[in-house]
């Protein structure tokens, strides 16, 4: 995923945590707050595993979200990985990301409604 789509500043994450709406499934939680552009952040805590495991989960989540970049509404998205995400397969994470986007009604009109 390109850098321009990444949410990087702590202040931006805090804004989404305080103002955003959340939906959840077994392995992931997704928060959404309205915003001008499209930016996505990923939060993987130390409860998920060591640094290698956390980076693997983040890379998988980035790749799961990337195909949806053209289909979702503008806003700030934060995806939080639960500890069970470390054992989840790529396919299940991909399915969960799609499910959470659908649950948020984040797809643009006419796209994957």
PDB file of N, CA and C in Angstrom:
ATOM      1  N   UNK A   1       0.845  -1.170   0.000  1.00  0.00           N
ATOM      2  CA  UNK A   1       0.000   0.000   0.000  1.00  0.00           C
ATOM      3  C   UNK A   1       0.893   1.237   0.000  1.00  0.00           C
ATOM      4  N   UNK A   2       0.510   2.230  -0.784  1.00  0.00           N
ATOM      5  CA  UNK A   2       1.316   3.442  -0.906  1.00  0.00           C
ATOM      6  C   UNK A   2       1.320   4.239   0.398  1.00  0.00           C
ATOM      7  N   UNK A   3       2.402   4.964   0.602  1.00  0.00           N
ATOM      8  CA  UNK A   3       2.549   5.741   1.831  1.00  0.00           C
ATOM      9  C   UNK A   3       1.485   6.817   2.004  1.00  0.00           C
ATOM     10  N   UNK A   4       1.000   7.368   0.900  1.00  0.00           N
ATOM     11  CA  UNK A   4       0.020   8.457   1.009  1.00  0.00           C
ATOM     12  C   UNK A   4      -1.289   7.984   1.625  1.00  0.00           C
ATOM     13  N   UNK A   5      -1.525   6.683   1.624  1.00  0.00           N
ATOM     14  CA  UNK A   5      -2.738   6.134   2.220  1.00  0.00           C
ATOM     15  C   UNK A   5      -2.560   5.716   3.673  1.00  0.00           C
ATOM     16  N   UNK A   6      -1.343   5.836   4.199  1.00  0.00           N
ATOM     17  CA  UNK A   6      -1.080   5.362   5.559  1.00  0.00           C
ATOM     18  C   UNK A   6      -1.326   6.436   6.596  1.00  0.00           C
ATOM     19  N   UNK A   7      -1.925   6.025   7.674  1.00  0.00           N
ATOM     20  CA  UNK A   7      -2.129   6.884   8.835  1.00  0.00           C
ATOM     21  C   UNK A   7      -0.902   6.670   9.715  1.00  0.00           C
ATOM     22  N   UNK A   8      -0.137   7.748   9.995  1.00  0.00           N
ATOM     23  CA  UNK A   8       1.132   7.549  10.674  1.00  0.00           C
ATOM     24  C   UNK A   8       1.259   8.286  12.000  1.00  0.00           C
ATOM     25  N   UNK A   9       0.648   9.439  12.124  1.00  0.00           N
ATOM     26  CA  UNK A   9       0.831  10.258  13.330  1.00  0.00           C
ATOM     27  C   UNK A   9      -0.023   9.733  14.483  1.00  0.00           C
ATOM     28  N   UNK A  10       0.542   9.765  15.677  1.00  0.00           N
ATOM     29  CA  UNK A  10      -0.165   9.343  16.874  1.00  0.00           C
ATOM     30  C   UNK A  10      -1.438  10.172  17.067  1.00  0.00           C
ATOM     31  N   UNK A  11      -1.368  11.456  16.752  1.00  0.00           N
ATOM     32  CA  UNK A  11      -2.525  12.336  16.905  1.00  0.00           C
ATOM     33  C   UNK A  11      -3.686  11.883  16.021  1.00  0.00           C
ATOM     34  N   UNK A  12      -3.385  11.423  14.819  1.00  0.00           N
ATOM     35  CA  UNK A  12      -4.421  10.931  13.915  1.00  0.00           C
ATOM     36  C   UNK A  12      -5.044   9.645  14.456  1.00  0.00           C
ATOM     37  N   UNK A  13      -4.225   8.746  15.003  1.00  0.00           N
ATOM     38  CA  UNK A  13      -4.752   7.525  15.605  1.00  0.00           C
ATOM     39  C   UNK A  13      -5.664   7.873  16.783  1.00  0.00           C
ATOM     40  N   UNK A  14      -5.223   8.790  17.627  1.00  0.00           N
ATOM     41  CA  UNK A  14      -6.024   9.186  18.785  1.00  0.00           C
ATOM     42  C   UNK A  14      -7.354   9.785  18.360  1.00  0.00           C
ATOM     43  N   UNK A  15      -7.344  10.578  17.284  1.00  0.00           N
ATOM     44  CA  UNK A  15      -8.572  11.162  16.760  1.00  0.00           C
ATOM     45  C   UNK A  15      -9.564  10.059  16.371  1.00  0.00           C
ATOM     46  N   UNK A  16      -9.081   9.046  15.670  1.00  0.00           N
ATOM     47  CA  UNK A  16      -9.954   7.953  15.248  1.00  0.00           C
ATOM     48  C   UNK A  16     -10.440   7.160  16.451  1.00  0.00           C
ATOM     49  N   UNK A  17      -9.572   6.916  17.432  1.00  0.00           N
ATOM     50  CA  UNK A  17      -9.982   6.168  18.625  1.00  0.00           C
ATOM     51  C   UNK A  17     -11.088   6.907  19.383  1.00  0.00           C
ATOM     52  N   UNK A  18     -11.006   8.224  19.472  1.00  0.00           N
ATOM     53  CA  UNK A  18     -11.982   9.005  20.248  1.00  0.00           C
ATOM     54  C   UNK A  18     -13.245   9.315  19.461  1.00  0.00           C
ATOM     55  N   UNK A  19     -13.120   9.616  18.169  1.00  0.00           N
ATOM     56  CA  UNK A  19     -14.264  10.054  17.375  1.00  0.00           C
ATOM     57  C   UNK A  19     -14.866   8.966  16.493  1.00  0.00           C
ATOM     58  N   UNK A  20     -14.136   7.881  16.283  1.00  0.00           N
ATOM     59  CA  UNK A  20     -14.556   6.882  15.308  1.00  0.00           C
ATOM     60  C   UNK A  20     -15.597   5.905  15.827  1.00  0.00           C
ATOM     61  N   UNK A  21     -16.256   5.270  14.884  1.00  0.00           N
ATOM     62  CA  UNK A  21     -17.208   4.188  15.171  1.00  0.00           C
ATOM     63  C   UNK A  21     -16.474   2.873  14.949  1.00  0.00           C
ATOM     64  N   UNK A  22     -16.763   1.877  15.782  1.00  0.00           N
ATOM     65  CA  UNK A  22     -16.032   0.622  15.650  1.00  0.00           C
ATOM     66  C   UNK A  22     -16.968  -0.544  15.360  1.00  0.00           C
ATOM     67  N   UNK A  23     -16.450  -1.487  14.608  1.00  0.00           N
ATOM     68  CA  UNK A  23     -17.092  -2.778  14.388  1.00  0.00           C
ATOM     69  C   UNK A  23     -16.015  -3.829  14.585  1.00  0.00           C
ATOM     70  N   UNK A  24     -16.442  -5.038  14.937  1.00  0.00           N
ATOM     71  CA  UNK A  24     -15.448  -6.051  15.280  1.00  0.00           C
ATOM     72  C   UNK A  24     -15.854  -7.419  14.763  1.00  0.00           C
ATOM     73  N   UNK A  25     -14.859  -8.269  14.649  1.00  0.00           N
ATOM     74  CA  UNK A  25     -15.074  -9.688  14.388  1.00  0.00           C
ATOM     75  C   UNK A  25     -14.073 -10.441  15.267  1.00  0.00           C
ATOM     76  N   UNK A  26     -13.897 -11.710  15.021  1.00  0.00           N
ATOM     77  CA  UNK A  26     -13.080 -12.544  15.906  1.00  0.00           C
ATOM     78  C   UNK A  26     -11.622 -12.083  15.999  1.00  0.00           C
ATOM     79  N   UNK A  27     -11.008 -11.744  14.865  1.00  0.00           N
ATOM     80  CA  UNK A  27      -9.582 -11.436  14.850  1.00  0.00           C
ATOM     81  C   UNK A  27      -9.255  -9.952  14.748  1.00  0.00           C
ATOM     82  N   UNK A  28     -10.207  -9.130  14.307  1.00  0.00           N
ATOM     83  CA  UNK A  28      -9.922  -7.723  14.020  1.00  0.00           C
ATOM     84  C   UNK A  28     -10.996  -6.798  14.570  1.00  0.00           C
ATOM     85  N   UNK A  29     -10.589  -5.550  14.787  1.00  0.00           N
ATOM     86  CA  UNK A  29     -11.513  -4.470  15.108  1.00  0.00           C
ATOM     87  C   UNK A  29     -11.194  -3.353  14.117  1.00  0.00           C
ATOM     88  N   UNK A  30     -12.237  -2.751  13.529  1.00  0.00           N
ATOM     89  CA  UNK A  30     -12.024  -1.650  12.590  1.00  0.00           C
ATOM     90  C   UNK A  30     -12.751  -0.413  13.105  1.00  0.00           C
ATOM     91  N   UNK A  31     -12.014   0.688  13.155  1.00  0.00           N
ATOM     92  CA  UNK A  31     -12.589   1.978  13.545  1.00  0.00           C
ATOM     93  C   UNK A  31     -12.604   2.877  12.323  1.00  0.00           C
ATOM     94  N   UNK A  32     -13.659   3.688  12.202  1.00  0.00           N
ATOM     95  CA  UNK A  32     -13.791   4.590  11.060  1.00  0.00           C
ATOM     96  C   UNK A  32     -14.217   5.964  11.555  1.00  0.00           C
ATOM     97  N   UNK A  33     -13.543   6.991  11.060  1.00  0.00           N
ATOM     98  CA  UNK A  33     -13.928   8.371  11.331  1.00  0.00           C
ATOM     99  C   UNK A  33     -13.944   9.121  10.003  1.00  0.00           C
ATOM    100  N   UNK A  34     -14.864  10.044   9.857  1.00  0.00           N
ATOM    101  CA  UNK A  34     -14.946  10.814   8.619  1.00  0.00           C
ATOM    102  C   UNK A  34     -13.690  11.643   8.443  1.00  0.00           C
ATOM    103  N   UNK A  35     -13.297  11.821   7.188  1.00  0.00           N
ATOM    104  CA  UNK A  35     -12.118  12.617   6.869  1.00  0.00           C
ATOM    105  C   UNK A  35     -12.114  12.975   5.407  1.00  0.00           C
ATOM    106  N   UNK A  36     -11.257  13.900   5.028  1.00  0.00           N
ATOM    107  CA  UNK A  36     -11.188  14.356   3.641  1.00  0.00           C
ATOM    108  C   UNK A  36     -10.622  13.304   2.713  1.00  0.00           C
ATOM    109  N   UNK A  37      -9.461  12.809   3.047  1.00  0.00           N
ATOM    110  CA  UNK A  37      -8.802  11.829   2.194  1.00  0.00           C
ATOM    111  C   UNK A  37      -8.971  10.433   2.756  1.00  0.00           C
ATOM    112  N   UNK A  38      -8.409   9.489   2.054  1.00  0.00           N
ATOM    113  CA  UNK A  38      -8.444   8.105   2.502  1.00  0.00           C
ATOM    114  C   UNK A  38      -7.115   7.772   3.156  1.00  0.00           C
ATOM    115  N   UNK A  39      -7.166   7.412   4.440  1.00  0.00           N
ATOM    116  CA  UNK A  39      -5.956   6.997   5.148  1.00  0.00           C
ATOM    117  C   UNK A  39      -6.288   5.805   6.029  1.00  0.00           C
ATOM    118  N   UNK A  40      -5.352   4.865   6.083  1.00  0.00           N
ATOM    119  CA  UNK A  40      -5.548   3.631   6.826  1.00  0.00           C
ATOM    120  C   UNK A  40      -4.363   3.417   7.756  1.00  0.00           C
ATOM    121  N   UNK A  41      -4.655   3.064   9.002  1.00  0.00           N
ATOM    122  CA  UNK A  41      -3.607   2.755   9.972  1.00  0.00           C
ATOM    123  C   UNK A  41      -3.819   1.366  10.537  1.00  0.00           C
ATOM    124  N   UNK A  42      -2.741   0.746  10.960  1.00  0.00           N
ATOM    125  CA  UNK A  42      -2.806  -0.607  11.505  1.00  0.00           C
ATOM    126  C   UNK A  42      -2.167  -0.609  12.880  1.00  0.00           C
ATOM    127  N   UNK A  43      -2.857  -1.200  13.842  1.00  0.00           N
ATOM    128  CA  UNK A  43      -2.366  -1.260  15.206  1.00  0.00           C
ATOM    129  C   UNK A  43      -2.266  -2.719  15.628  1.00  0.00           C
ATOM    130  N   UNK A  44      -1.034  -3.135  15.940  1.00  0.00           N
ATOM    131  CA  UNK A  44      -0.798  -4.510  16.360  1.00  0.00           C
ATOM    132  C   UNK A  44       0.025  -4.443  17.648  1.00  0.00           C
ATOM    133  N   UNK A  45      -0.584  -4.805  18.768  1.00  0.00           N
ATOM    134  CA  UNK A  45       0.079  -4.653  20.058  1.00  0.00           C
ATOM    135  C   UNK A  45       1.014  -5.815  20.351  1.00  0.00           C
ATOM    136  N   UNK A  46       1.761  -5.683  21.434  1.00  0.00           N
ATOM    137  CA  UNK A  46       2.703  -6.729  21.834  1.00  0.00           C
ATOM    138  C   UNK A  46       1.998  -7.996  22.293  1.00  0.00           C
ATOM    139  N   UNK A  47       0.705  -7.909  22.571  1.00  0.00           N
ATOM    140  CA  UNK A  47      -0.060  -9.099  22.950  1.00  0.00           C
ATOM    141  C   UNK A  47      -0.174 -10.082  21.787  1.00  0.00           C
ATOM    142  N   UNK A  48      -0.013  -9.580  20.567  1.00  0.00           N
ATOM    143  CA  UNK A  48      -0.130 -10.427  19.383  1.00  0.00           C
ATOM    144  C   UNK A  48       1.085 -11.339  19.254  1.00  0.00           C
ATOM    145  N   UNK A  49       2.253 -10.863  19.634  1.00  0.00           N
ATOM    146  CA  UNK A  49       3.452 -11.694  19.539  1.00  0.00           C
ATOM    147  C   UNK A  49       4.707 -10.848  19.512  1.00  0.00           C
ATOM    148  N   UNK A  50       5.820 -11.479  19.147  1.00  0.00           N
ATOM    149  CA  UNK A  50       7.087 -10.750  19.082  1.00  0.00           C
ATOM    150  C   UNK A  50       7.120  -9.862  17.837  1.00  0.00           C
ATOM    151  N   UNK A  51       8.202  -9.151  17.625  1.00  0.00           N
ATOM    152  CA  UNK A  51       8.294  -8.173  16.538  1.00  0.00           C
ATOM    153  C   UNK A  51       8.099  -8.820  15.164  1.00  0.00           C
ATOM    154  N   UNK A  52       8.634 -10.009  14.983  1.00  0.00           N
ATOM    155  CA  UNK A  52       8.508 -10.700  13.703  1.00  0.00           C
ATOM    156  C   UNK A  52       7.043 -11.012  13.412  1.00  0.00           C
ATOM    157  N   UNK A  53       6.337 -11.501  14.414  1.00  0.00           N
ATOM    158  CA  UNK A  53       4.917 -11.838  14.255  1.00  0.00           C
ATOM    159  C   UNK A  53       4.078 -10.598  14.014  1.00  0.00           C
ATOM    160  N   UNK A  54       4.356  -9.535  14.765  1.00  0.00           N
ATOM    161  CA  UNK A  54       3.588  -8.289  14.598  1.00  0.00           C
ATOM    162  C   UNK A  54       3.774  -7.718  13.200  1.00  0.00           C
ATOM    163  N   UNK A  55       5.009  -7.721  12.700  1.00  0.00           N
ATOM    164  CA  UNK A  55       5.265  -7.206  11.355  1.00  0.00           C
ATOM    165  C   UNK A  55       4.602  -8.084  10.293  1.00  0.00           C
ATOM    166  N   UNK A  56       4.587  -9.379  10.495  1.00  0.00           N
ATOM    167  CA  UNK A  56       3.909 -10.277   9.566  1.00  0.00           C
ATOM    168  C   UNK A  56       2.411  -9.962   9.507  1.00  0.00           C
ATOM    169  N   UNK A  57       1.805  -9.764  10.664  1.00  0.00           N
ATOM    170  CA  UNK A  57       0.374  -9.444  10.717  1.00  0.00           C
ATOM    171  C   UNK A  57       0.111  -8.111  10.032  1.00  0.00           C
ATOM    172  N   UNK A  58       0.966  -7.115  10.286  1.00  0.00           N
ATOM    173  CA  UNK A  58       0.776  -5.804   9.641  1.00  0.00           C
ATOM    174  C   UNK A  58       0.911  -5.894   8.125  1.00  0.00           C
ATOM    175  N   UNK A  59       1.892  -6.636   7.642  1.00  0.00           N
ATOM    176  CA  UNK A  59       2.063  -6.797   6.188  1.00  0.00           C
ATOM    177  C   UNK A  59       0.854  -7.480   5.577  1.00  0.00           C
ATOM    178  N   UNK A  60       0.348  -8.499   6.252  1.00  0.00           N
ATOM    179  CA  UNK A  60      -0.843  -9.190   5.752  1.00  0.00           C
ATOM    180  C   UNK A  60      -2.050  -8.257   5.716  1.00  0.00           C
ATOM    181  N   UNK A  61      -2.225  -7.472   6.763  1.00  0.00           N
ATOM    182  CA  UNK A  61      -3.376  -6.562   6.811  1.00  0.00           C
ATOM    183  C   UNK A  61      -3.280  -5.489   5.733  1.00  0.00           C
ATOM    184  N   UNK A  62      -2.084  -4.959   5.505  1.00  0.00           N
ATOM    185  CA  UNK A  62      -1.906  -3.973   4.434  1.00  0.00           C
ATOM    186  C   UNK A  62      -2.296  -4.559   3.093  1.00  0.00           C
ATOM    187  N   UNK A  63      -1.861  -5.788   2.859  1.00  0.00           N
ATOM    188  CA  UNK A  63      -2.153  -6.442   1.589  1.00  0.00           C
ATOM    189  C   UNK A  63      -3.639  -6.804   1.483  1.00  0.00           C
ATOM    190  N   UNK A  64      -4.292  -7.079   2.589  1.00  0.00           N
ATOM    191  CA  UNK A  64      -5.732  -7.363   2.581  1.00  0.00           C
ATOM    192  C   UNK A  64      -6.540  -6.114   2.249  1.00  0.00           C
ATOM    193  N   UNK A  65      -6.076  -4.963   2.702  1.00  0.00           N
ATOM    194  CA  UNK A  65      -6.824  -3.720   2.488  1.00  0.00           C
ATOM    195  C   UNK A  65      -6.549  -3.121   1.112  1.00  0.00           C
ATOM    196  N   UNK A  66      -5.376  -3.369   0.558  1.00  0.00           N
ATOM    197  CA  UNK A  66      -4.952  -2.728  -0.694  1.00  0.00           C
ATOM    198  C   UNK A  66      -5.941  -2.883  -1.852  1.00  0.00           C
ATOM    199  N   UNK A  67      -6.531  -4.062  -2.101  1.00  0.00           N
ATOM    200  CA  UNK A  67      -7.467  -4.171  -3.226  1.00  0.00           C
ATOM    201  C   UNK A  67      -8.727  -3.317  -3.068  1.00  0.00           C
ATOM    202  N   UNK A  68      -9.046  -2.915  -1.836  1.00  0.00           N
ATOM    203  CA  UNK A  68     -10.262  -2.144  -1.572  1.00  0.00           C
ATOM    204  C   UNK A  68     -10.043  -0.637  -1.663  1.00  0.00           C
ATOM    205  N   UNK A  69      -8.824  -0.183  -1.900  1.00  0.00           N
ATOM    206  CA  UNK A  69      -8.533   1.253  -1.868  1.00  0.00           C
ATOM    207  C   UNK A  69      -9.413   2.068  -2.810  1.00  0.00           C
ATOM    208  N   UNK A  70      -9.683   1.562  -3.998  1.00  0.00           N
ATOM    209  CA  UNK A  70     -10.500   2.308  -4.951  1.00  0.00           C
ATOM    210  C   UNK A  70     -11.993   2.211  -4.675  1.00  0.00           C
ATOM    211  N   UNK A  71     -12.391   1.276  -3.813  1.00  0.00           N
ATOM    212  CA  UNK A  71     -13.811   1.004  -3.591  1.00  0.00           C
ATOM    213  C   UNK A  71     -14.396   1.641  -2.341  1.00  0.00           C
ATOM    214  N   UNK A  72     -13.544   2.071  -1.400  1.00  0.00           N
ATOM    215  CA  UNK A  72     -14.075   2.560  -0.121  1.00  0.00           C
ATOM    216  C   UNK A  72     -14.187   4.087  -0.099  1.00  0.00           C
ATOM    217  N   UNK A  73     -15.073   4.557   0.771  1.00  0.00           N
ATOM    218  CA  UNK A  73     -15.283   5.994   0.936  1.00  0.00           C
ATOM    219  C   UNK A  73     -14.068   6.624   1.605  1.00  0.00           C
ATOM    220  N   UNK A  74     -13.906   7.928   1.400  1.00  0.00           N
ATOM    221  CA  UNK A  74     -12.833   8.648   2.075  1.00  0.00           C
ATOM    222  C   UNK A  74     -13.087   8.655   3.572  1.00  0.00           C
ATOM    223  N   UNK A  75     -12.017   8.668   4.322  1.00  0.00           N
ATOM    224  CA  UNK A  75     -12.117   8.689   5.769  1.00  0.00           C
ATOM    225  C   UNK A  75     -10.847   8.131   6.381  1.00  0.00           C
ATOM    226  N   UNK A  76     -10.857   8.062   7.683  1.00  0.00           N
ATOM    227  CA  UNK A  76      -9.720   7.530   8.434  1.00  0.00           C
ATOM    228  C   UNK A  76     -10.110   6.166   8.991  1.00  0.00           C
ATOM    229  N   UNK A  77      -9.358   5.171   8.649  1.00  0.00           N
ATOM    230  CA  UNK A  77      -9.620   3.808   9.096  1.00  0.00           C
ATOM    231  C   UNK A  77      -8.454   3.339   9.954  1.00  0.00           C
ATOM    232  N   UNK A  78      -8.771   2.680  11.057  1.00  0.00           N
ATOM    233  CA  UNK A  78      -7.745   2.036  11.874  1.00  0.00           C
ATOM    234  C   UNK A  78      -8.180   0.590  12.065  1.00  0.00           C
ATOM    235  N   UNK A  79      -7.277  -0.326  11.742  1.00  0.00           N
ATOM    236  CA  UNK A  79      -7.552  -1.743  11.935  1.00  0.00           C
ATOM    237  C   UNK A  79      -6.672  -2.227  13.077  1.00  0.00           C
ATOM    238  N   UNK A  80      -7.326  -2.746  14.116  1.00  0.00           N
ATOM    239  CA  UNK A  80      -6.632  -3.232  15.306  1.00  0.00           C
ATOM    240  C   UNK A  80      -6.666  -4.752  15.282  1.00  0.00           C
ATOM    241  N   UNK A  81      -5.496  -5.368  15.394  1.00  0.00           N
ATOM    242  CA  UNK A  81      -5.402  -6.830  15.391  1.00  0.00           C
ATOM    243  C   UNK A  81      -5.523  -7.355  16.810  1.00  0.00           C
ATOM    244  N   UNK A  82      -6.380  -8.320  16.996  1.00  0.00           N
ATOM    245  CA  UNK A  82      -6.491  -9.005  18.282  1.00  0.00           C
ATOM    246  C   UNK A  82      -5.423 -10.111  18.330  1.00  0.00           C
ATOM    247  N   UNK A  83      -5.096 -10.613  19.526  1.00  0.00           N
ATOM    248  CA  UNK A  83      -4.057 -11.641  19.625  1.00  0.00           C
ATOM    249  C   UNK A  83      -4.299 -12.875  18.748  1.00  0.00           C
ATOM    250  N   UNK A  84      -5.558 -13.198  18.496  1.00  0.00           N
ATOM    251  CA  UNK A  84      -5.853 -14.378  17.671  1.00  0.00           C
ATOM    252  C   UNK A  84      -5.482 -14.166  16.205  1.00  0.00           C
ATOM    253  N   UNK A  85      -5.209 -12.926  15.793  1.00  0.00           N
ATOM    254  CA  UNK A  85      -4.834 -12.645  14.405  1.00  0.00           C
ATOM    255  C   UNK A  85      -3.481 -13.252  14.054  1.00  0.00           C
ATOM    256  N   UNK A  86      -2.656 -13.536  15.051  1.00  0.00           N
ATOM    257  CA  UNK A  86      -1.332 -14.117  14.794  1.00  0.00           C
ATOM    258  C   UNK A  86      -1.455 -15.521  14.192  1.00  0.00           C
ATOM    259  N   UNK A  87      -2.471 -16.274  14.600  1.00  0.00           N
ATOM    260  CA  UNK A  87      -2.660 -17.628  14.093  1.00  0.00           C
ATOM    261  C   UNK A  87      -3.564 -17.665  12.863  1.00  0.00           C
ATOM    262  N   UNK A  88      -4.209 -16.553  12.537  1.00  0.00           N
ATOM    263  CA  UNK A  88      -5.151 -16.526  11.411  1.00  0.00           C
ATOM    264  C   UNK A  88      -4.413 -16.630  10.081  1.00  0.00           C
ATOM    265  N   UNK A  89      -5.049 -17.254   9.109  1.00  0.00           N
ATOM    266  CA  UNK A  89      -4.470 -17.356   7.781  1.00  0.00           C
ATOM    267  C   UNK A  89      -4.714 -16.051   7.026  1.00  0.00           C
ATOM    268  N   UNK A  90      -3.971 -15.880   5.943  1.00  0.00           N
ATOM    269  CA  UNK A  90      -4.142 -14.694   5.104  1.00  0.00           C
ATOM    270  C   UNK A  90      -5.567 -14.630   4.558  1.00  0.00           C
ATOM    271  N   UNK A  91      -6.100 -15.758   4.127  1.00  0.00           N
ATOM    272  CA  UNK A  91      -7.447 -15.791   3.552  1.00  0.00           C
ATOM    273  C   UNK A  91      -8.501 -15.382   4.571  1.00  0.00           C
ATOM    274  N   UNK A  92      -8.363 -15.821   5.815  1.00  0.00           N
ATOM    275  CA  UNK A  92      -9.357 -15.443   6.829  1.00  0.00           C
ATOM    276  C   UNK A  92      -9.245 -13.958   7.170  1.00  0.00           C
ATOM    277  N   UNK A  93      -8.018 -13.414   7.199  1.00  0.00           N
ATOM    278  CA  UNK A  93      -7.858 -11.980   7.444  1.00  0.00           C
ATOM    279  C   UNK A  93      -8.464 -11.171   6.299  1.00  0.00           C
ATOM    280  N   UNK A  94      -8.274 -11.643   5.074  1.00  0.00           N
ATOM    281  CA  UNK A  94      -8.833 -10.958   3.907  1.00  0.00           C
ATOM    282  C   UNK A  94     -10.359 -10.953   3.970  1.00  0.00           C
ATOM    283  N   UNK A  95     -10.930 -12.089   4.336  1.00  0.00           N
ATOM    284  CA  UNK A  95     -12.379 -12.197   4.474  1.00  0.00           C
ATOM    285  C   UNK A  95     -12.880 -11.276   5.589  1.00  0.00           C
ATOM    286  N   UNK A  96     -12.153 -11.209   6.694  1.00  0.00           N
ATOM    287  CA  UNK A  96     -12.555 -10.361   7.825  1.00  0.00           C
ATOM    288  C   UNK A  96     -12.512  -8.884   7.464  1.00  0.00           C
ATOM    289  N   UNK A  97     -11.491  -8.460   6.733  1.00  0.00           N
ATOM    290  CA  UNK A  97     -11.387  -7.054   6.321  1.00  0.00           C
ATOM    291  C   UNK A  97     -12.572  -6.687   5.425  1.00  0.00           C
ATOM    292  N   UNK A  98     -12.892  -7.540   4.474  1.00  0.00           N
ATOM    293  CA  UNK A  98     -14.043  -7.300   3.610  1.00  0.00           C
ATOM    294  C   UNK A  98     -15.341  -7.242   4.389  1.00  0.00           C
ATOM    295  N   UNK A  99     -15.488  -8.149   5.354  1.00  0.00           N
ATOM    296  CA  UNK A  99     -16.683  -8.183   6.199  1.00  0.00           C
ATOM    297  C   UNK A  99     -16.823  -6.899   7.018  1.00  0.00           C
ATOM    298  N   UNK A 100     -15.720  -6.434   7.603  1.00  0.00           N
ATOM    299  CA  UNK A 100     -15.773  -5.225   8.427  1.00  0.00           C
ATOM    300  C   UNK A 100     -16.067  -3.994   7.580  1.00  0.00           C
ATOM    301  N   UNK A 101     -15.518  -3.931   6.379  1.00  0.00           N
ATOM    302  CA  UNK A 101     -15.820  -2.799   5.485  1.00  0.00           C
ATOM    303  C   UNK A 101     -17.292  -2.800   5.106  1.00  0.00           C
ATOM    304  N   UNK A 102     -17.831  -3.976   4.845  1.00  0.00           N
ATOM    305  CA  UNK A 102     -19.247  -4.077   4.499  1.00  0.00           C
ATOM    306  C   UNK A 102     -20.114  -3.688   5.700  1.00  0.00           C
ATOM    307  N   UNK A 103     -19.701  -4.099   6.895  1.00  0.00           N
ATOM    308  CA  UNK A 103     -20.452  -3.797   8.116  1.00  0.00           C
ATOM    309  C   UNK A 103     -20.452  -2.289   8.401  1.00  0.00           C
ATOM    310  N   UNK A 104     -19.369  -1.603   8.021  1.00  0.00           N
ATOM    311  CA  UNK A 104     -19.264  -0.153   8.190  1.00  0.00           C
ATOM    312  C   UNK A 104     -19.994   0.599   7.091  1.00  0.00           C
ATOM    313  N   UNK A 105     -20.475  -0.113   6.063  1.00  0.00           N
ATOM    314  CA  UNK A 105     -21.063   0.511   4.868  1.00  0.00           C
ATOM    315  C   UNK A 105     -20.043   1.469   4.264  1.00  0.00           C
ATOM    316  N   UNK A 106     -18.804   1.025   4.168  1.00  0.00           N
ATOM    317  CA  UNK A 106     -17.703   1.874   3.721  1.00  0.00           C
ATOM    318  C   UNK A 106     -17.517   1.872   2.211  1.00  0.00           C
ATOM    319  N   UNK A 107     -18.189   0.965   1.507  1.00  0.00           N
ATOM    320  CA  UNK A 107     -18.019   0.931   0.058  1.00  0.00           C
ATOM    321  C   UNK A 107     -18.788   2.068  -0.590  1.00  0.00           C
ATOM    322  N   UNK A 108     -18.207   2.620  -1.645  1.00  0.00           N
ATOM    323  CA  UNK A 108     -18.855   3.694  -2.400  1.00  0.00           C
ATOM    324  C   UNK A 108     -20.117   3.162  -3.071  1.00  0.00           C
ATOM    325  N   UNK A 109     -21.009   4.082  -3.443  1.00  0.00           N
ATOM    326  CA  UNK A 109     -22.242   3.699  -4.130  1.00  0.00           C
ATOM    327  C   UNK A 109     -21.915   2.940  -5.408  1.00  0.00           C
ATOM    328  N   UNK A 110     -22.598   1.829  -5.636  1.00  0.00           N
ATOM    329  CA  UNK A 110     -22.383   1.065  -6.853  1.00  0.00           C
ATOM    330  C   UNK A 110     -21.227   0.092  -6.793  1.00  0.00           C
ATOM    331  N   UNK A 111     -20.451   0.103  -5.719  1.00  0.00           N
ATOM    332  CA  UNK A 111     -19.306  -0.807  -5.576  1.00  0.00           C
ATOM    333  C   UNK A 111     -19.580  -1.811  -4.473  1.00  0.00           C
ATOM    334  N   UNK A 112     -19.636  -3.060  -4.801  1.00  0.00           N
ATOM    335  CA  UNK A 112     -19.716  -4.174  -3.845  1.00  0.00           C
ATOM    336  C   UNK A 112     -20.716  -3.950  -2.727  1.00  0.00           C
ATOM    337  N   UNK A 113     -21.839  -3.419  -2.994  1.00  0.00           N
ATOM    338  CA  UNK A 113     -22.857  -3.129  -1.967  1.00  0.00           C
ATOM    339  C   UNK A 113     -23.357  -4.354  -1.315  1.00  0.00           C
TER     340      UNK A 113
END
